[in-house]
Amino acid sequence: MSSSNPPSRKRARPRPAPPVILLGPLVRARGAQGATGSGQRWRVSACFLLAGDAEPPDLRVDGVTLPVPPRFLHDWKDLPPVGPVGVPCPPGTLRMWRYDFAVPRGLQDGRAAYGFQDDERRWTLSIPGTAIAPRIAFVSCGGCEDENAIEEAGLKRTALWARLLGRHRAQPLHLLLMGGDQVYADGLWERVPALRPLSATKKLMKRPELAVGPDLEAQLDAWYIATYLHAWTLAEPAAMQAGVASLCMWDDHDIIDGWGSHPAELLDSPAYQAIYAAARRAFRLFQVGMGEDDPSDTLLASGPPGFTQGLMLNGVGVLAPDLRSERTDSQVMSPATLSELPEWLERFAACRHLLLMSSVPLIFPSFALAERVLNLLPGRQSMEDDLRDQWRSPAHLEEWRTVLRILADFARRSGACVTILSGEVHLGANGLLSGPGTRIRQLVSSGIVHPPPNGLGVEVIERLAGRRESLWDRLTLTMEPIDKNGRRLLAQRNYLTITGQDDGDLRAEWHAETLDTAWAVTLR
């Protein structure tokens, strides 16, 4: 007699809980892969900061046949709740993961959706076509020393990020260059408990003599993680970093204000070295997407401590020297690193255009007189490290001349159009180094978040910018007018776009907060 019971069925396994994303995806550009033509791919790394110690699922990417496995980068356990106001570091185990993949490129632009396997969340990445002129954005200064200053100035923190995102959605960008001060970590003096004894000491040079608590390393790790969460989990910068591959280089505020330009006995003290180690770890993971012993595909530096990077996109080269890791009050790069610059440049000799990222402008008015006056005054002046940061500081003058000579020689020999991209000064500007067989542009764009300066200081720099300077080898340095009224400084928050033209030139446009029309210059 047959049983009336239905046949047994295997119980479906419950799907694992989706990963808890604290930050990401942060997509980092690794450049074009393969020979030109139909076999070329756009290689990227997508990084995630996740809660918990479970390994996340594979990533599914349109155009990539096999699932992409995760690669473990770093973890932190039970960090203290240190961070900016309202953004403490999350509790428990935090782990950083990276997914490396290469998406096929067609002649025309494309898009690739990607997301975790068996997870409804999806993101869409812009894929540059091999026959399409590049569309690139450059941003810098993505925060502020005092976050209250943004609101007090009547500004919305993400207003320009929102404009850039809208532009990307209308005409997708291929590459996002982030030129320094992506985060502002300066608040650590008030918010990291172990540093409060030092911050209470008004005399800067007394700090090396003071001891700090045993929990400093954990508190600093928590501080930097929370600082990145504060800057990059907001909707607009998060969407940009998920949808456009980026290349990042750091500057002082990614560490602390003036890092490298303070006296050696201060920088070499235990507390300052702990600050640098935590900031460097956070930069390496969040901005470059590197494990400790895991060099990025874009890394050009022959070894630590430098993070110099470079890549090429459709005839345009991008070189981002690390101008912070080896900085001291007497040098920007070490002599060994400076000797590598010509070799790095030669990698881009076949490019029609080279975009060189220098966090601090190379072609800009000199503030040497102001620095000399401050040096005559007793004590360590509050602006002295800012002036020492400048390429034209008396401390760096010979190195500045050497770098410009190397760039001018490369431009003459290769025939490449060299353009320097910089931020740092919280102004927009357009400089020009010209002479027999030499024409190098300097585009300054900052900040996308940091409020612009105002008052007498801007007027003094404006007056300095109006001078035409004669240098060496019949070279001249000029700051070009940036508006119809002849002003040379754009004292508004701004970002820069660089768009390839049909004739092979590049068109650079400054997009300022209150201007309906972008100010533009042709790079040729």
Protein backbone atom coordinates (compact mmCIF):
# COMPACT_ATOMS: atom_id res chain seq x y z
CA MET A 1 0.00 0.00 0.00
CA SER A 2 1.57 3.28 -1.07
CA SER A 3 2.10 6.05 1.39
CA SER A 4 0.14 9.24 0.94
CA ASN A 5 2.98 11.30 2.42
CA PRO A 6 4.63 13.68 -0.11
CA PRO A 7 8.23 12.97 -1.03
CA SER A 8 10.75 14.62 1.29
CA ARG A 9 12.51 17.74 0.06
CA LYS A 10 15.89 19.05 1.05
CA ARG A 11 15.55 22.13 3.15
CA ALA A 12 17.04 25.14 1.38
CA ARG A 13 20.09 26.52 3.07
CA PRO A 14 19.57 30.01 4.41
CA ARG A 15 21.52 32.64 2.61
CA PRO A 16 24.33 34.13 4.65
CA ALA A 17 23.74 37.63 5.90
CA PRO A 18 25.04 40.25 3.46
CA PRO A 19 28.28 42.01 4.46
CA VAL A 20 27.96 45.08 6.66
CA ILE A 21 29.66 47.79 4.64
CA LEU A 22 31.16 50.57 6.75
CA LEU A 23 32.99 52.24 3.86
CA GLY A 24 33.14 51.50 0.15
CA PRO A 25 33.31 50.52 -2.51
CA LEU A 26 36.39 52.67 -3.07
CA VAL A 27 37.44 51.98 -6.67
CA ARG A 28 41.13 52.60 -7.39
CA ALA A 29 42.42 52.81 -10.96
CA ARG A 30 45.16 50.38 -11.97
CA GLY A 31 45.29 51.51 -15.61
CA ALA A 32 44.83 49.91 -19.01
CA GLN A 33 45.84 46.28 -19.37
CA GLY A 34 46.79 44.46 -22.56
CA ALA A 35 47.59 45.56 -26.11
CA THR A 36 45.59 48.34 -27.71
CA GLY A 37 42.52 47.17 -29.54
CA SER A 38 39.80 44.69 -28.73
CA GLY A 39 41.91 42.81 -26.14
CA GLN A 40 42.41 45.75 -23.82
CA ARG A 41 40.90 45.87 -20.34
CA TRP A 42 40.35 48.53 -17.67
CA ARG A 43 41.89 47.23 -14.47
CA VAL A 44 40.68 48.42 -11.07
CA SER A 45 40.62 47.47 -7.39
CA ALA A 46 37.42 47.83 -5.35
CA CYS A 47 38.07 48.17 -1.62
CA PHE A 48 35.62 47.71 1.25
CA LEU A 49 35.82 48.28 5.00
CA LEU A 50 33.48 45.66 6.50
CA ALA A 51 32.27 44.92 10.01
CA GLY A 52 33.01 41.47 11.46
CA ASP A 53 35.62 38.82 10.80
CA ALA A 54 33.72 36.70 8.24
CA GLU A 55 35.17 36.48 4.76
CA PRO A 56 32.85 38.35 2.36
CA PRO A 57 31.35 36.68 -0.73
CA ASP A 58 32.88 36.89 -4.18
CA LEU A 59 32.16 39.90 -6.36
CA ARG A 60 30.14 39.54 -9.57
CA VAL A 61 31.18 41.97 -12.31
CA ASP A 62 29.52 42.44 -15.70
CA GLY A 63 31.94 41.41 -18.45
CA VAL A 64 34.12 39.36 -16.08
CA THR A 65 33.39 35.66 -16.55
CA LEU A 66 34.48 34.28 -13.19
CA PRO A 67 33.52 35.53 -9.73
CA VAL A 68 36.17 37.80 -8.22
CA PRO A 69 37.45 36.53 -4.85
CA PRO A 70 38.20 38.91 -1.95
CA ARG A 71 41.72 39.65 -0.83
CA PHE A 72 42.32 40.41 2.84
CA LEU A 73 44.28 43.60 3.50
CA HIS A 74 44.10 44.48 7.20
CA ASP A 75 42.03 44.18 10.35
CA TRP A 76 41.49 46.05 13.60
CA LYS A 77 39.87 44.64 16.75
CA ASP A 78 37.99 46.46 19.49
CA LEU A 79 39.23 49.96 18.76
CA PRO A 80 38.07 52.70 21.15
CA PRO A 81 35.16 54.95 20.09
CA VAL A 82 37.44 57.82 19.03
CA GLY A 83 36.54 60.06 16.09
CA PRO A 84 35.10 63.38 14.93
CA VAL A 85 32.01 64.67 16.71
CA GLY A 86 29.12 62.33 15.94
CA VAL A 87 31.29 59.79 14.05
CA PRO A 88 33.03 57.47 16.53
CA CYS A 89 35.01 54.51 15.28
CA PRO A 90 32.67 51.47 15.08
CA PRO A 91 33.09 48.73 17.73
CA GLY A 92 34.13 45.12 17.19
CA THR A 93 36.26 43.69 14.40
CA LEU A 94 36.84 45.78 11.28
CA ARG A 95 38.41 44.28 8.17
CA MET A 96 39.64 45.80 4.93
CA TRP A 97 39.14 43.73 1.74
CA ARG A 98 40.05 44.29 -1.89
CA TYR A 99 38.71 42.87 -5.16
CA ASP A 100 40.95 43.09 -8.24
CA PHE A 101 39.32 42.78 -11.66
CA ALA A 102 39.76 43.90 -15.27
CA VAL A 103 36.75 44.77 -17.44
CA PRO A 104 36.94 44.43 -21.25
CA ARG A 105 37.04 47.75 -23.12
CA GLY A 106 35.30 48.47 -26.40
CA LEU A 107 35.88 51.33 -28.81
CA GLN A 108 33.08 53.28 -27.12
CA ASP A 109 32.56 53.99 -23.45
CA GLY A 110 30.89 51.32 -21.37
CA ARG A 111 29.56 50.60 -17.92
CA ALA A 112 29.97 47.56 -15.71
CA ALA A 113 27.61 46.73 -12.87
CA TYR A 114 29.16 44.95 -9.93
CA GLY A 115 28.12 43.69 -6.52
CA PHE A 116 28.46 40.89 -3.99
CA GLN A 117 27.24 37.46 -5.02
CA ASP A 118 23.65 36.81 -3.81
CA ASP A 119 23.32 40.44 -2.72
CA GLU A 120 20.85 42.94 -4.15
CA ARG A 121 23.20 45.90 -3.77
CA ARG A 122 24.80 46.88 -7.07
CA TRP A 123 27.10 49.65 -8.23
CA THR A 124 27.98 50.81 -11.74
CA LEU A 125 31.53 51.59 -12.86
CA SER A 126 32.41 53.83 -15.82
CA ILE A 127 34.63 52.02 -18.39
CA PRO A 128 36.58 54.29 -20.81
CA GLY A 129 36.36 53.36 -24.49
CA THR A 130 39.64 52.84 -26.30
CA ALA A 131 38.67 55.30 -29.06
CA ILE A 132 37.24 57.98 -26.74
CA ALA A 133 39.16 61.05 -25.56
CA PRO A 134 39.66 60.96 -21.78
CA ARG A 135 37.34 62.74 -19.36
CA ILE A 136 39.10 63.35 -16.07
CA ALA A 137 38.21 65.23 -12.87
CA PHE A 138 40.69 66.64 -10.35
CA VAL A 139 39.72 67.49 -6.76
CA SER A 140 41.59 68.40 -3.58
CA CYS A 141 41.05 69.67 -0.03
CA GLY A 142 38.06 67.49 0.87
CA GLY A 143 37.61 68.74 4.41
CA CYS A 144 38.50 71.54 6.82
CA GLU A 145 40.69 72.05 9.88
CA ASP A 146 37.56 73.15 11.78
CA GLU A 147 34.42 71.53 10.36
CA ASN A 148 32.29 74.24 11.97
CA ALA A 149 33.88 76.77 9.61
CA ILE A 150 32.04 75.23 6.64
CA GLU A 151 28.61 75.81 8.13
CA GLU A 152 29.61 79.19 9.57
CA ALA A 153 30.54 80.29 6.04
CA GLY A 154 27.01 79.36 4.89
CA LEU A 155 28.30 76.47 2.77
CA LYS A 156 27.04 72.91 2.34
CA ARG A 157 29.80 70.35 2.79
CA THR A 158 28.98 68.28 -0.30
CA ALA A 159 27.63 70.98 -2.62
CA LEU A 160 30.45 70.68 -5.17
CA TRP A 161 30.63 66.89 -4.83
CA ALA A 162 26.94 66.91 -5.81
CA ARG A 163 27.67 69.05 -8.88
CA LEU A 164 30.51 66.78 -9.91
CA LEU A 165 28.28 63.71 -9.45
CA GLY A 166 25.57 65.32 -11.59
CA ARG A 167 28.13 66.01 -14.31
CA HIS A 168 29.34 62.41 -14.15
CA ARG A 169 25.81 61.06 -14.50
CA ALA A 170 25.19 63.26 -17.54
CA GLN A 171 28.52 62.39 -19.21
CA PRO A 172 30.46 59.69 -17.34
CA LEU A 173 33.97 60.48 -16.21
CA HIS A 174 36.76 57.99 -16.84
CA LEU A 175 39.16 58.89 -14.04
CA LEU A 176 39.05 60.82 -10.76
CA LEU A 177 42.32 62.34 -9.54
CA MET A 178 42.42 63.26 -5.85
CA GLY A 179 45.37 65.55 -5.29
CA GLY A 180 45.83 65.78 -1.52
CA ASP A 181 44.14 66.61 1.77
CA GLN A 182 41.32 64.18 0.98
CA VAL A 183 40.68 64.16 4.73
CA TYR A 184 41.59 66.66 7.45
CA ALA A 185 42.96 64.81 10.48
CA ASP A 186 43.97 67.91 12.47
CA GLY A 187 41.22 67.43 15.07
CA LEU A 188 43.17 64.57 16.64
CA TRP A 189 44.77 66.97 19.13
CA GLU A 190 41.37 67.56 20.73
CA ARG A 191 39.67 64.21 20.07
CA VAL A 192 42.38 61.59 20.77
CA PRO A 193 42.56 61.25 24.58
CA ALA A 194 46.21 60.12 24.68
CA LEU A 195 47.28 63.30 22.86
CA ARG A 196 45.52 65.79 25.11
CA PRO A 197 48.56 66.36 27.35
CA LEU A 198 50.50 67.38 24.23
CA SER A 199 47.73 69.57 22.82
CA ALA A 200 47.53 71.42 26.15
CA THR A 201 51.16 72.43 25.67
CA LYS A 202 51.09 75.71 23.77
CA LYS A 203 54.80 75.67 23.00
CA LEU A 204 55.19 73.28 20.06
CA MET A 205 58.81 72.43 20.76
CA LYS A 206 57.97 71.30 24.32
CA ARG A 207 55.92 68.39 22.99
CA PRO A 208 58.84 65.98 22.36
CA GLU A 209 59.59 66.05 26.08
CA LEU A 210 56.12 64.81 27.09
CA ALA A 211 55.07 61.18 27.48
CA VAL A 212 51.83 59.81 26.02
CA GLY A 213 49.52 57.03 27.15
CA PRO A 214 49.97 53.34 26.20
CA ASP A 215 46.75 53.27 24.15
CA LEU A 216 47.95 55.86 21.63
CA GLU A 217 48.28 53.49 18.65
CA ALA A 218 44.76 52.09 19.00
CA GLN A 219 43.28 55.53 19.54
CA LEU A 220 45.04 56.89 16.45
CA ASP A 221 43.87 53.99 14.29
CA ALA A 222 40.34 54.65 15.50
CA TRP A 223 40.72 58.37 14.79
CA TYR A 224 41.86 57.94 11.18
CA ILE A 225 39.22 55.30 10.40
CA ALA A 226 36.48 57.55 11.77
CA THR A 227 37.90 60.55 9.88
CA TYR A 228 37.64 58.67 6.57
CA LEU A 229 34.12 57.53 7.47
CA HIS A 230 33.18 61.15 8.19
CA ALA A 231 34.48 62.37 4.81
CA TRP A 232 33.59 59.50 2.49
CA THR A 233 30.32 57.96 3.66
CA LEU A 234 28.34 61.03 2.63
CA ALA A 235 26.20 60.19 -0.41
CA GLU A 236 27.93 62.26 -3.11
CA PRO A 237 31.63 61.44 -2.51
CA ALA A 238 30.62 57.82 -1.86
CA ALA A 239 28.81 57.59 -5.21
CA MET A 240 31.73 59.17 -7.07
CA GLN A 241 34.25 56.73 -5.59
CA ALA A 242 32.02 53.75 -6.37
CA GLY A 243 31.40 54.81 -9.98
CA VAL A 244 34.71 56.30 -11.19
CA ALA A 245 38.13 54.72 -10.77
CA SER A 246 40.45 57.10 -8.93
CA LEU A 247 44.11 57.72 -8.25
CA CYS A 248 44.95 59.45 -4.94
CA MET A 249 48.02 61.18 -3.53
CA TRP A 250 48.27 62.51 0.00
CA ASP A 251 49.33 65.83 1.48
CA ASP A 252 49.89 67.13 5.00
CA HIS A 253 46.29 67.22 6.33
CA ASP A 254 45.91 63.52 5.53
CA ILE A 255 48.47 63.21 8.36
CA ILE A 256 48.44 66.47 10.35
CA ASP A 257 48.83 70.10 9.32
CA GLY A 258 52.39 70.82 8.17
CA TRP A 259 53.69 67.26 8.43
CA GLY A 260 57.29 67.24 7.20
CA SER A 261 57.80 70.98 7.55
CA HIS A 262 58.17 70.98 11.34
CA PRO A 263 61.61 70.64 12.99
CA ALA A 264 63.13 67.17 12.96
CA GLU A 265 63.17 66.80 16.75
CA LEU A 266 59.39 67.26 16.75
CA LEU A 267 58.69 64.86 13.86
CA ASP A 268 61.04 62.23 15.29
CA SER A 269 59.40 62.23 18.72
CA PRO A 270 57.44 59.09 19.72
CA ALA A 271 54.02 60.77 19.59
CA TYR A 272 54.55 62.30 16.15
CA GLN A 273 55.97 59.05 14.79
CA ALA A 274 52.88 57.22 16.06
CA ILE A 275 50.68 59.79 14.32
CA TYR A 276 52.57 59.34 11.07
CA ALA A 277 52.46 55.53 11.25
CA ALA A 278 48.67 55.49 11.75
CA ALA A 279 48.08 58.10 9.02
CA ARG A 280 50.33 56.22 6.59
CA ARG A 281 48.54 52.94 7.29
CA ALA A 282 45.15 54.58 6.66
CA PHE A 283 46.36 56.28 3.46
CA ARG A 284 47.85 53.06 2.12
CA LEU A 285 44.65 51.11 2.74
CA PHE A 286 41.91 53.63 1.96
CA GLN A 287 43.50 55.81 -0.72
CA VAL A 288 45.89 53.43 -2.52
CA GLY A 289 44.25 50.10 -1.68
CA MET A 290 47.47 48.32 -0.73
CA GLY A 291 48.30 45.66 1.80
CA GLU A 292 51.45 46.11 3.84
CA ASP A 293 53.63 43.99 1.55
CA ASP A 294 51.43 44.23 -1.51
CA PRO A 295 52.47 46.89 -4.06
CA SER A 296 49.80 48.48 -6.21
CA ASP A 297 49.93 48.06 -9.99
CA THR A 298 50.25 51.85 -10.26
CA LEU A 299 53.17 52.16 -7.84
CA LEU A 300 56.36 53.48 -9.46
CA ALA A 301 58.50 54.03 -6.36
CA SER A 302 61.26 51.43 -6.11
CA GLY A 303 60.54 50.87 -2.44
CA PRO A 304 59.33 52.42 0.80
CA PRO A 305 58.65 54.98 1.99
CA GLY A 306 57.35 56.51 -1.24
CA PHE A 307 53.92 56.01 -2.82
CA THR A 308 54.66 57.61 -6.21
CA GLN A 309 52.12 56.33 -8.74
CA GLY A 310 51.44 56.57 -12.46
CA LEU A 311 49.16 55.27 -15.21
CA MET A 312 48.16 55.98 -18.81
CA LEU A 313 44.73 56.44 -20.35
CA ASN A 314 44.24 56.85 -24.11
CA GLY A 315 47.40 58.85 -24.76
CA VAL A 316 47.28 60.84 -21.51
CA GLY A 317 49.79 60.00 -18.80
CA VAL A 318 49.27 60.69 -15.10
CA LEU A 319 52.27 60.88 -12.74
CA ALA A 320 51.66 61.48 -9.03
CA PRO A 321 54.96 61.85 -7.12
CA ASP A 322 54.79 61.33 -3.37
CA LEU A 323 55.82 64.73 -1.98
CA ARG A 324 55.03 64.02 1.68
CA SER A 325 56.61 60.69 2.76
CA GLU A 326 60.21 61.96 2.63
CA ARG A 327 59.57 65.64 3.33
CA THR A 328 61.65 67.40 5.95
CA ASP A 329 62.16 71.08 6.69
CA SER A 330 65.05 70.99 4.19
CA GLN A 331 63.76 68.70 1.41
CA VAL A 332 60.57 67.70 -0.43
CA MET A 333 61.93 64.46 -1.91
CA SER A 334 65.07 62.64 -0.89
CA PRO A 335 68.04 62.92 -3.30
CA ALA A 336 67.54 59.25 -4.22
CA THR A 337 63.89 59.80 -5.12
CA LEU A 338 64.64 63.00 -7.00
CA SER A 339 67.17 61.08 -9.08
CA GLU A 340 64.37 58.68 -10.10
CA LEU A 341 62.15 61.46 -11.48
CA PRO A 342 63.70 61.49 -15.00
CA GLU A 343 63.21 57.71 -15.26
CA TRP A 344 59.58 58.00 -14.17
CA LEU A 345 59.00 60.70 -16.76
CA GLU A 346 60.51 58.56 -19.52
CA ARG A 347 57.70 56.05 -19.03
CA PHE A 348 55.37 58.71 -20.44
CA ALA A 349 57.56 59.86 -23.34
CA ALA A 350 55.11 58.44 -25.91
CA CYS A 351 52.14 60.30 -24.41
CA ARG A 352 50.83 63.42 -26.07
CA HIS A 353 49.90 64.86 -22.67
CA LEU A 354 51.36 64.32 -19.21
CA LEU A 355 49.41 65.40 -16.13
CA LEU A 356 51.80 65.68 -13.19
CA MET A 357 50.14 65.88 -9.77
CA SER A 358 52.02 68.09 -7.31
CA SER A 359 50.00 68.55 -4.12
CA VAL A 360 51.61 71.99 -3.62
CA PRO A 361 51.78 74.19 -6.78
CA LEU A 362 55.13 74.27 -8.57
CA ILE A 363 54.34 77.40 -10.62
CA PHE A 364 52.98 79.99 -8.20
CA PRO A 365 53.98 83.32 -6.63
CA SER A 366 56.80 83.22 -4.07
CA PHE A 367 56.16 83.87 -0.39
CA ALA A 368 59.88 83.77 0.45
CA LEU A 369 59.93 87.32 1.85
CA ALA A 370 57.09 86.54 4.28
CA GLU A 371 58.90 83.39 5.42
CA ARG A 372 62.17 85.27 5.98
CA VAL A 373 60.35 87.85 8.11
CA LEU A 374 58.77 85.11 10.25
CA ASN A 375 62.17 83.43 10.65
CA LEU A 376 63.47 86.63 12.26
CA LEU A 377 60.81 86.51 14.96
CA PRO A 378 61.38 84.45 18.14
CA GLY A 379 59.51 81.16 18.57
CA ARG A 380 57.78 78.95 16.03
CA GLN A 381 55.20 81.05 14.15
CA SER A 382 51.79 79.54 13.35
CA MET A 383 52.14 80.04 9.57
CA GLU A 384 55.80 79.10 9.32
CA ASP A 385 55.17 75.44 8.44
CA ASP A 386 52.60 76.49 5.78
CA LEU A 387 55.19 78.72 4.12
CA ARG A 388 57.89 76.05 4.45
CA ASP A 389 55.51 73.68 2.61
CA GLN A 390 55.69 75.82 -0.52
CA TRP A 391 58.02 74.76 -3.33
CA ARG A 392 59.49 78.26 -3.46
CA SER A 393 60.40 78.35 0.22
CA PRO A 394 64.10 79.29 0.59
CA ALA A 395 64.55 75.82 2.14
CA HIS A 396 63.44 74.11 -1.10
CA LEU A 397 64.54 76.62 -3.73
CA GLU A 398 67.31 74.56 -5.31
CA GLU A 399 65.13 71.45 -5.38
CA TRP A 400 62.32 73.49 -7.01
CA ARG A 401 64.71 74.66 -9.73
CA THR A 402 65.94 71.10 -10.29
CA VAL A 403 62.41 69.72 -10.67
CA LEU A 404 61.41 72.45 -13.15
CA ARG A 405 64.59 71.89 -15.16
CA ILE A 406 63.86 68.15 -15.32
CA LEU A 407 60.28 68.81 -16.44
CA ALA A 408 61.33 71.37 -19.04
CA ASP A 409 63.98 69.00 -20.42
CA PHE A 410 61.45 66.16 -20.63
CA ALA A 411 58.90 68.37 -22.41
CA ARG A 412 61.48 69.52 -25.00
CA ARG A 413 62.84 66.03 -25.70
CA SER A 414 59.55 64.13 -25.78
CA GLY A 415 57.31 66.80 -27.30
CA ALA A 416 54.71 65.97 -24.63
CA CYS A 417 52.46 68.73 -23.33
CA VAL A 418 53.20 68.85 -19.58
CA THR A 419 50.51 70.18 -17.23
CA ILE A 420 50.90 70.31 -13.44
CA LEU A 421 47.78 69.74 -11.30
CA SER A 422 47.81 71.06 -7.73
CA GLY A 423 45.56 71.99 -4.83
CA GLU A 424 46.50 72.99 -1.24
CA VAL A 425 46.13 76.80 -1.48
CA HIS A 426 42.26 76.85 -1.43
CA LEU A 427 42.17 78.94 -4.60
CA GLY A 428 41.88 78.36 -8.34
CA ALA A 429 44.75 79.59 -10.53
CA ASN A 430 46.41 79.13 -13.91
CA GLY A 431 50.20 79.45 -14.09
CA LEU A 432 52.55 79.26 -17.06
CA LEU A 433 56.28 78.53 -17.33
CA SER A 434 57.42 79.56 -20.82
CA GLY A 435 60.61 80.06 -22.74
CA PRO A 436 62.48 78.80 -25.83
CA GLY A 437 61.01 75.37 -26.57
CA THR A 438 59.26 75.25 -23.16
CA ARG A 439 55.63 75.70 -22.23
CA ILE A 440 54.41 74.09 -18.99
CA ARG A 441 50.99 74.81 -17.53
CA GLN A 442 50.10 74.86 -13.85
CA LEU A 443 46.44 74.35 -12.97
CA VAL A 444 45.49 74.91 -9.33
CA SER A 445 42.11 73.71 -8.06
CA SER A 446 41.07 73.67 -4.39
CA GLY A 447 39.09 73.01 -2.45
CA ILE A 448 36.05 70.94 -3.22
CA VAL A 449 35.04 71.19 0.47
CA HIS A 450 37.43 73.61 2.21
CA PRO A 451 36.07 77.20 2.34
CA PRO A 452 38.08 79.75 0.32
CA PRO A 453 40.21 82.41 2.01
CA ASN A 454 39.13 86.03 1.90
CA GLY A 455 40.23 89.51 2.85
CA LEU A 456 43.71 91.02 2.80
CA GLY A 457 45.57 87.73 2.32
CA VAL A 458 43.88 87.05 -1.02
CA GLU A 459 44.56 90.58 -2.21
CA VAL A 460 48.25 90.30 -1.32
CA ILE A 461 48.57 87.03 -3.28
CA GLU A 462 46.60 88.58 -6.16
CA ARG A 463 49.10 91.44 -6.31
CA LEU A 464 52.04 89.01 -6.24
CA ALA A 465 50.38 86.95 -8.99
CA GLY A 466 50.28 89.99 -11.28
CA ARG A 467 54.07 90.10 -11.58
CA ARG A 468 55.92 88.53 -14.50
CA GLU A 469 59.03 86.78 -13.18
CA SER A 470 62.22 86.12 -15.13
CA LEU A 471 63.89 82.87 -14.06
CA TRP A 472 66.85 81.06 -15.62
CA ASP A 473 67.53 79.86 -19.19
CA ARG A 474 65.28 82.69 -20.49
CA LEU A 475 62.27 81.12 -18.74
CA THR A 476 59.47 83.30 -17.42
CA LEU A 477 56.79 82.54 -14.83
CA THR A 478 53.40 84.17 -15.16
CA MET A 479 50.02 83.69 -13.55
CA GLU A 480 47.39 84.01 -16.26
CA PRO A 481 44.10 85.91 -15.79
CA ILE A 482 41.33 83.55 -14.71
CA ASP A 483 38.32 85.78 -15.43
CA LYS A 484 37.25 88.61 -17.72
CA ASN A 485 38.18 91.19 -15.08
CA GLY A 486 41.80 90.14 -15.21
CA ARG A 487 41.93 88.55 -11.75
CA ARG A 488 44.38 85.70 -11.40
CA LEU A 489 42.92 83.97 -8.36
CA LEU A 490 39.59 82.18 -8.10
CA ALA A 491 38.60 82.67 -4.45
CA GLN A 492 35.73 80.18 -4.47
CA ARG A 493 35.39 76.49 -3.83
CA ASN A 494 36.01 74.70 -7.11
CA TYR A 495 36.92 71.49 -8.89
CA LEU A 496 38.59 70.86 -12.25
CA THR A 497 37.61 68.78 -15.27
CA ILE A 498 39.97 67.89 -18.13
CA THR A 499 38.34 66.73 -21.34
CA GLY A 500 39.99 65.46 -24.51
CA GLN A 501 39.12 67.25 -27.75
CA ASP A 502 38.79 65.87 -31.29
CA ASP A 503 42.07 67.54 -32.33
CA GLY A 504 44.00 65.88 -29.51
CA ASP A 505 44.15 68.93 -27.24
CA LEU A 506 42.78 68.90 -23.71
CA ARG A 507 40.26 71.41 -22.37
CA ALA A 508 40.56 72.25 -18.67
CA GLU A 509 37.60 73.84 -16.90
CA TRP A 510 37.30 75.24 -13.37
CA HIS A 511 33.81 74.74 -11.96
CA ALA A 512 33.33 77.28 -9.17
CA GLU A 513 30.59 77.36 -6.57
CA THR A 514 28.73 80.50 -7.63
CA LEU A 515 29.67 80.70 -11.31
CA ASP A 516 27.20 79.37 -13.88
CA THR A 517 29.88 79.19 -16.60
CA ALA A 518 33.15 77.33 -16.16
CA TRP A 519 36.41 79.16 -16.77
CA ALA A 520 38.41 77.22 -19.39
CA VAL A 521 41.89 76.95 -20.89
CA THR A 522 43.15 74.78 -23.76
CA LEU A 523 46.17 72.55 -23.08
CA ARG A 524 48.31 72.10 -26.16
